[in-house]
Amino acid sequence: MKTSLIGSKVSTAVALLTTAFYLSAAGFSAKAEDLNAVFQQGRAAYYKGDMDTAYQLLSRVAAANPKHTETANMLAYIRAHHQPKDESLKNQYASVTLPKVEMADVTLTEAIEGLRALSKNASNGKVTPNVIVKGEELAQRKLTLSLANVPLSEALNYVTQLVGAKATYDKHAVILSSLADTITTTADAK
């Protein structure tokens, strides 16, 4: 009787271990398939030029399999040649609403100083825009502007358009450059 009871327990234990092995193997296979799907999506985004999405997906693959050569090569290229867009400054400026903006026949430099003061007041001293104007000729262009209840980012867009400039949001500043300079630089690059 004891022998059959022990044999029954051993058989049950072997069956449980076998089941656990097959379930873990099936789980491993599913994880490998999921990882391959993430890799394929990341690879497709990479070749489409969507480097932000590619970086996110391929980073997940690299975390699970650091020795995957193709993933490592694509991530190295993205890190070396692609700078992610930093929208945080633009979002910060969009969060400040200026109650009233009135400017008549002022230079771009004066308009920027006015927006700094208005922003500082509207945000209780928390947000003062950092704007760099490239070129003295651009800084001296005149504009007139009348706005109400507008986000700081939109006020900057209006000012930029009125003087024929292009705004580029960097990590720490908004850089204003003449559209003519931008067009010339682009044409020279081709």
C-alpha atoms as a PDB file:
ATOM      1  CA  MET A   1       0.000   0.000   0.000  1.00  0.00           C
ATOM      2  CA  LYS A   2       2.800   2.377   0.887  1.00  0.00           C
ATOM      3  CA  THR A   3       4.547   1.668  -2.402  1.00  0.00           C
ATOM      4  CA  SER A   4       1.507   2.495  -4.488  1.00  0.00           C
ATOM      5  CA  LEU A   5       0.936   5.681  -2.501  1.00  0.00           C
ATOM      6  CA  ILE A   6       4.544   6.766  -3.060  1.00  0.00           C
ATOM      7  CA  GLY A   7       4.326   5.798  -6.727  1.00  0.00           C
ATOM      8  CA  SER A   8       1.131   7.816  -7.054  1.00  0.00           C
ATOM      9  CA  LYS A   9       2.769  10.881  -5.487  1.00  0.00           C
ATOM     10  CA  VAL A  10       5.832  10.540  -7.734  1.00  0.00           C
ATOM     11  CA  SER A  11       3.613  10.194 -10.814  1.00  0.00           C
ATOM     12  CA  THR A  12       1.647  13.275  -9.808  1.00  0.00           C
ATOM     13  CA  ALA A  13       4.869  15.228  -9.202  1.00  0.00           C
ATOM     14  CA  VAL A  14       6.299  14.161 -12.583  1.00  0.00           C
ATOM     15  CA  ALA A  15       3.067  15.147 -14.307  1.00  0.00           C
ATOM     16  CA  LEU A  16       3.089  18.551 -12.607  1.00  0.00           C
ATOM     17  CA  LEU A  17       6.737  19.157 -13.506  1.00  0.00           C
ATOM     18  CA  THR A  18       6.132  18.122 -17.109  1.00  0.00           C
ATOM     19  CA  THR A  19       3.109  20.432 -17.330  1.00  0.00           C
ATOM     20  CA  ALA A  20       5.090  23.293 -15.787  1.00  0.00           C
ATOM     21  CA  PHE A  21       7.921  22.710 -18.267  1.00  0.00           C
ATOM     22  CA  TYR A  22       5.593  22.808 -21.267  1.00  0.00           C
ATOM     23  CA  LEU A  23       3.756  25.864 -19.968  1.00  0.00           C
ATOM     24  CA  SER A  24       7.012  27.737 -19.380  1.00  0.00           C
ATOM     25  CA  ALA A  25       8.282  26.720 -22.826  1.00  0.00           C
ATOM     26  CA  ALA A  26       5.030  27.961 -24.366  1.00  0.00           C
ATOM     27  CA  GLY A  27       5.363  31.219 -22.410  1.00  0.00           C
ATOM     28  CA  PHE A  28       8.970  31.608 -23.566  1.00  0.00           C
ATOM     29  CA  SER A  29       7.894  30.993 -27.158  1.00  0.00           C
ATOM     30  CA  ALA A  30       5.105  33.589 -26.857  1.00  0.00           C
ATOM     31  CA  LYS A  31       7.543  36.109 -25.368  1.00  0.00           C
ATOM     32  CA  ALA A  32      10.013  35.440 -28.206  1.00  0.00           C
ATOM     33  CA  GLU A  33       7.220  35.969 -30.751  1.00  0.00           C
ATOM     34  CA  ASP A  34       6.176  39.210 -29.025  1.00  0.00           C
ATOM     35  CA  LEU A  35       9.810  40.387 -28.971  1.00  0.00           C
ATOM     36  CA  ASN A  36      10.141  39.570 -32.665  1.00  0.00           C
ATOM     37  CA  ALA A  37       6.956  41.554 -33.396  1.00  0.00           C
ATOM     38  CA  VAL A  38       8.325  44.548 -31.450  1.00  0.00           C
ATOM     39  CA  PHE A  39      11.612  44.251 -33.380  1.00  0.00           C
ATOM     40  CA  GLN A  40       9.783  44.134 -36.734  1.00  0.00           C
ATOM     41  CA  GLN A  41       7.736  47.221 -35.805  1.00  0.00           C
ATOM     42  CA  GLY A  42      10.872  49.055 -34.674  1.00  0.00           C
ATOM     43  CA  ARG A  43      12.726  48.057 -37.829  1.00  0.00           C
ATOM     44  CA  ALA A  44       9.823  49.240 -40.020  1.00  0.00           C
ATOM     45  CA  ALA A  45       9.714  52.593 -38.193  1.00  0.00           C
ATOM     46  CA  TYR A  46      13.501  52.922 -38.603  1.00  0.00           C
ATOM     47  CA  TYR A  47      13.345  52.427 -42.373  1.00  0.00           C
ATOM     48  CA  LYS A  48      10.374  54.817 -42.656  1.00  0.00           C
ATOM     49  CA  GLY A  49      12.452  57.484 -40.919  1.00  0.00           C
ATOM     50  CA  ASP A  50      10.321  57.612 -37.741  1.00  0.00           C
ATOM     51  CA  MET A  51      13.347  57.544 -35.456  1.00  0.00           C
ATOM     52  CA  ASP A  52      11.458  58.415 -32.245  1.00  0.00           C
ATOM     53  CA  THR A  53       9.172  55.376 -32.569  1.00  0.00           C
ATOM     54  CA  ALA A  54      12.041  53.175 -33.770  1.00  0.00           C
ATOM     55  CA  TYR A  55      14.140  54.158 -30.767  1.00  0.00           C
ATOM     56  CA  GLN A  56      11.355  53.356 -28.305  1.00  0.00           C
ATOM     57  CA  LEU A  57      10.612  49.940 -29.812  1.00  0.00           C
ATOM     58  CA  LEU A  58      14.211  48.901 -30.467  1.00  0.00           C
ATOM     59  CA  SER A  59      15.194  49.912 -26.932  1.00  0.00           C
ATOM     60  CA  ARG A  60      12.692  47.362 -25.626  1.00  0.00           C
ATOM     61  CA  VAL A  61      14.249  44.690 -27.847  1.00  0.00           C
ATOM     62  CA  ALA A  62      17.755  45.622 -26.705  1.00  0.00           C
ATOM     63  CA  ALA A  63      16.703  45.446 -23.056  1.00  0.00           C
ATOM     64  CA  ALA A  64      15.426  41.890 -23.553  1.00  0.00           C
ATOM     65  CA  ASN A  65      18.244  40.775 -25.873  1.00  0.00           C
ATOM     66  CA  PRO A  66      21.357  42.994 -25.628  1.00  0.00           C
ATOM     67  CA  LYS A  67      23.281  40.768 -28.064  1.00  0.00           C
ATOM     68  CA  HIS A  68      20.882  41.295 -30.983  1.00  0.00           C
ATOM     69  CA  THR A  69      23.285  42.790 -33.516  1.00  0.00           C
ATOM     70  CA  GLU A  70      20.823  44.420 -35.926  1.00  0.00           C
ATOM     71  CA  THR A  71      19.000  46.125 -33.060  1.00  0.00           C
ATOM     72  CA  ALA A  72      22.273  47.360 -31.572  1.00  0.00           C
ATOM     73  CA  ASN A  73      23.375  48.758 -34.949  1.00  0.00           C
ATOM     74  CA  MET A  74      20.104  50.613 -35.556  1.00  0.00           C
ATOM     75  CA  LEU A  75      20.119  52.065 -32.026  1.00  0.00           C
ATOM     76  CA  ALA A  76      23.739  53.195 -32.445  1.00  0.00           C
ATOM     77  CA  TYR A  77      22.825  54.981 -35.691  1.00  0.00           C
ATOM     78  CA  ILE A  78      19.796  56.665 -34.092  1.00  0.00           C
ATOM     79  CA  ARG A  79      21.869  57.861 -31.104  1.00  0.00           C
ATOM     80  CA  ALA A  80      24.591  59.231 -33.391  1.00  0.00           C
ATOM     81  CA  HIS A  81      22.444  60.911 -36.042  1.00  0.00           C
ATOM     82  CA  HIS A  82      19.044  61.713 -34.621  1.00  0.00           C
ATOM     83  CA  GLN A  83      18.227  64.316 -31.997  1.00  0.00           C
ATOM     84  CA  PRO A  84      14.762  63.835 -30.499  1.00  0.00           C
ATOM     85  CA  LYS A  85      12.444  66.801 -30.654  1.00  0.00           C
ATOM     86  CA  ASP A  86      12.221  68.604 -27.364  1.00  0.00           C
ATOM     87  CA  GLU A  87       8.724  69.996 -27.069  1.00  0.00           C
ATOM     88  CA  SER A  88       8.943  70.722 -23.344  1.00  0.00           C
ATOM     89  CA  LEU A  89       9.857  74.411 -23.786  1.00  0.00           C
ATOM     90  CA  LYS A  90       7.051  74.898 -26.295  1.00  0.00           C
ATOM     91  CA  ASN A  91       4.602  73.203 -23.917  1.00  0.00           C
ATOM     92  CA  GLN A  92       5.815  75.396 -21.052  1.00  0.00           C
ATOM     93  CA  TYR A  93       5.249  78.534 -23.137  1.00  0.00           C
ATOM     94  CA  ALA A  94       1.824  77.266 -24.250  1.00  0.00           C
ATOM     95  CA  SER A  95       0.780  76.934 -20.607  1.00  0.00           C
ATOM     96  CA  VAL A  96       1.108  80.705 -19.981  1.00  0.00           C
ATOM     97  CA  THR A  97      -1.882  82.763 -21.129  1.00  0.00           C
ATOM     98  CA  LEU A  98      -1.255  86.440 -21.761  1.00  0.00           C
ATOM     99  CA  PRO A  99      -4.420  88.454 -20.995  1.00  0.00           C
ATOM    100  CA  LYS A 100      -3.643  91.339 -23.362  1.00  0.00           C
ATOM    101  CA  VAL A 101      -0.834  92.064 -25.822  1.00  0.00           C
ATOM    102  CA  GLU A 102      -0.778  95.565 -27.336  1.00  0.00           C
ATOM    103  CA  MET A 103       2.247  96.675 -29.374  1.00  0.00           C
ATOM    104  CA  ALA A 104       2.385  99.415 -31.977  1.00  0.00           C
ATOM    105  CA  ASP A 105       5.330 100.039 -34.300  1.00  0.00           C
ATOM    106  CA  VAL A 106       7.941  98.324 -32.103  1.00  0.00           C
ATOM    107  CA  THR A 107      11.113  96.497 -33.106  1.00  0.00           C
ATOM    108  CA  LEU A 108      11.345  92.732 -32.748  1.00  0.00           C
ATOM    109  CA  THR A 109      13.737  93.228 -29.823  1.00  0.00           C
ATOM    110  CA  GLU A 110      11.213  95.498 -28.082  1.00  0.00           C
ATOM    111  CA  ALA A 111       8.394  93.035 -28.789  1.00  0.00           C
ATOM    112  CA  ILE A 112      10.373  90.174 -27.241  1.00  0.00           C
ATOM    113  CA  GLU A 113      11.133  92.289 -24.148  1.00  0.00           C
ATOM    114  CA  GLY A 114       7.425  93.122 -23.887  1.00  0.00           C
ATOM    115  CA  LEU A 115       6.463  89.431 -24.129  1.00  0.00           C
ATOM    116  CA  ARG A 116       9.027  88.593 -21.434  1.00  0.00           C
ATOM    117  CA  ALA A 117       7.474  91.127 -19.063  1.00  0.00           C
ATOM    118  CA  LEU A 118       3.899  90.039 -19.859  1.00  0.00           C
ATOM    119  CA  SER A 119       4.813  86.370 -19.409  1.00  0.00           C
ATOM    120  CA  LYS A 120       6.566  87.010 -16.111  1.00  0.00           C
ATOM    121  CA  ASN A 121       3.463  88.832 -14.825  1.00  0.00           C
ATOM    122  CA  ALA A 122       1.008  86.216 -16.153  1.00  0.00           C
ATOM    123  CA  SER A 123       2.954  83.312 -14.621  1.00  0.00           C
ATOM    124  CA  ASN A 124       3.717  85.023 -11.303  1.00  0.00           C
ATOM    125  CA  GLY A 125       7.413  85.070 -12.151  1.00  0.00           C
ATOM    126  CA  LYS A 126       7.643  81.369 -13.068  1.00  0.00           C
ATOM    127  CA  VAL A 127       8.033  81.648 -16.873  1.00  0.00           C
ATOM    128  CA  THR A 128      10.242  84.177 -18.621  1.00  0.00           C
ATOM    129  CA  PRO A 129      10.812  83.260 -22.268  1.00  0.00           C
ATOM    130  CA  ASN A 130      14.369  82.904 -23.492  1.00  0.00           C
ATOM    131  CA  VAL A 131      14.394  84.137 -27.095  1.00  0.00           C
ATOM    132  CA  ILE A 132      17.512  84.577 -29.219  1.00  0.00           C
ATOM    133  CA  VAL A 133      17.270  86.743 -32.342  1.00  0.00           C
ATOM    134  CA  LYS A 134      19.848  85.907 -35.000  1.00  0.00           C
ATOM    135  CA  GLY A 135      20.930  89.003 -36.891  1.00  0.00           C
ATOM    136  CA  GLU A 136      20.757  92.720 -36.192  1.00  0.00           C
ATOM    137  CA  GLU A 137      18.629  93.381 -39.282  1.00  0.00           C
ATOM    138  CA  LEU A 138      15.981  90.956 -38.027  1.00  0.00           C
ATOM    139  CA  ALA A 139      16.107  92.416 -34.511  1.00  0.00           C
ATOM    140  CA  GLN A 140      15.283  95.886 -35.908  1.00  0.00           C
ATOM    141  CA  ARG A 141      12.252  94.878 -38.007  1.00  0.00           C
ATOM    142  CA  LYS A 142       9.049  96.642 -36.907  1.00  0.00           C
ATOM    143  CA  LEU A 143       5.682  95.167 -36.059  1.00  0.00           C
ATOM    144  CA  THR A 144       2.280  96.005 -34.607  1.00  0.00           C
ATOM    145  CA  LEU A 145       0.287  93.464 -32.646  1.00  0.00           C
ATOM    146  CA  SER A 146      -2.993  93.377 -30.705  1.00  0.00           C
ATOM    147  CA  LEU A 147      -4.056  90.131 -29.013  1.00  0.00           C
ATOM    148  CA  ALA A 148      -6.180  89.055 -26.037  1.00  0.00           C
ATOM    149  CA  ASN A 149      -6.120  85.850 -23.965  1.00  0.00           C
ATOM    150  CA  VAL A 150      -3.461  84.173 -26.044  1.00  0.00           C
ATOM    151  CA  PRO A 151      -0.877  81.561 -25.015  1.00  0.00           C
ATOM    152  CA  LEU A 152       2.701  82.834 -24.967  1.00  0.00           C
ATOM    153  CA  SER A 153       3.672  80.284 -27.632  1.00  0.00           C
ATOM    154  CA  GLU A 154       1.023  81.695 -30.001  1.00  0.00           C
ATOM    155  CA  ALA A 155       2.086  85.281 -29.294  1.00  0.00           C
ATOM    156  CA  LEU A 156       5.640  84.260 -30.233  1.00  0.00           C
ATOM    157  CA  ASN A 157       4.282  82.677 -33.438  1.00  0.00           C
ATOM    158  CA  TYR A 158       2.458  85.906 -34.374  1.00  0.00           C
ATOM    159  CA  VAL A 159       5.536  88.033 -33.705  1.00  0.00           C
ATOM    160  CA  THR A 160       7.679  85.629 -35.730  1.00  0.00           C
ATOM    161  CA  GLN A 161       5.308  85.681 -38.703  1.00  0.00           C
ATOM    162  CA  LEU A 162       4.915  89.463 -38.664  1.00  0.00           C
ATOM    163  CA  VAL A 163       8.667  90.019 -39.072  1.00  0.00           C
ATOM    164  CA  GLY A 164       9.171  87.211 -41.593  1.00  0.00           C
ATOM    165  CA  ALA A 165      11.177  84.952 -39.317  1.00  0.00           C
ATOM    166  CA  LYS A 166      11.305  81.285 -38.407  1.00  0.00           C
ATOM    167  CA  ALA A 167      11.141  80.106 -34.775  1.00  0.00           C
ATOM    168  CA  THR A 168      13.094  77.023 -33.727  1.00  0.00           C
ATOM    169  CA  TYR A 169      12.503  75.649 -30.249  1.00  0.00           C
ATOM    170  CA  ASP A 170      15.764  74.450 -28.746  1.00  0.00           C
ATOM    171  CA  LYS A 171      16.114  72.798 -25.343  1.00  0.00           C
ATOM    172  CA  HIS A 172      16.644  76.119 -23.529  1.00  0.00           C
ATOM    173  CA  ALA A 173      15.635  78.870 -25.959  1.00  0.00           C
ATOM    174  CA  VAL A 174      13.568  79.886 -28.945  1.00  0.00           C
ATOM    175  CA  ILE A 175      15.846  80.906 -31.798  1.00  0.00           C
ATOM    176  CA  LEU A 176      14.449  83.385 -34.310  1.00  0.00           C
ATOM    177  CA  SER A 177      16.133  83.543 -37.694  1.00  0.00           C
ATOM    178  CA  SER A 178      15.225  85.309 -40.910  1.00  0.00           C
ATOM    179  CA  LEU A 179      13.240  83.260 -43.425  1.00  0.00           C
ATOM    180  CA  ALA A 180      15.586  84.537 -46.161  1.00  0.00           C
ATOM    181  CA  ASP A 181      18.552  83.045 -44.272  1.00  0.00           C
ATOM    182  CA  THR A 182      16.703  79.761 -43.854  1.00  0.00           C
ATOM    183  CA  ILE A 183      15.820  79.547 -47.555  1.00  0.00           C
ATOM    184  CA  THR A 184      19.382  80.421 -48.615  1.00  0.00           C
ATOM    185  CA  THR A 185      20.875  77.828 -46.268  1.00  0.00           C
ATOM    186  CA  THR A 186      18.491  75.134 -47.524  1.00  0.00           C
ATOM    187  CA  ALA A 187      19.201  75.989 -51.174  1.00  0.00           C
ATOM    188  CA  ASP A 188      22.963  75.933 -50.520  1.00  0.00           C
ATOM    189  CA  ALA A 189      22.680  72.495 -48.899  1.00  0.00           C
ATOM    190  CA  LYS A 190      21.103  71.003 -52.041  1.00  0.00           C
END
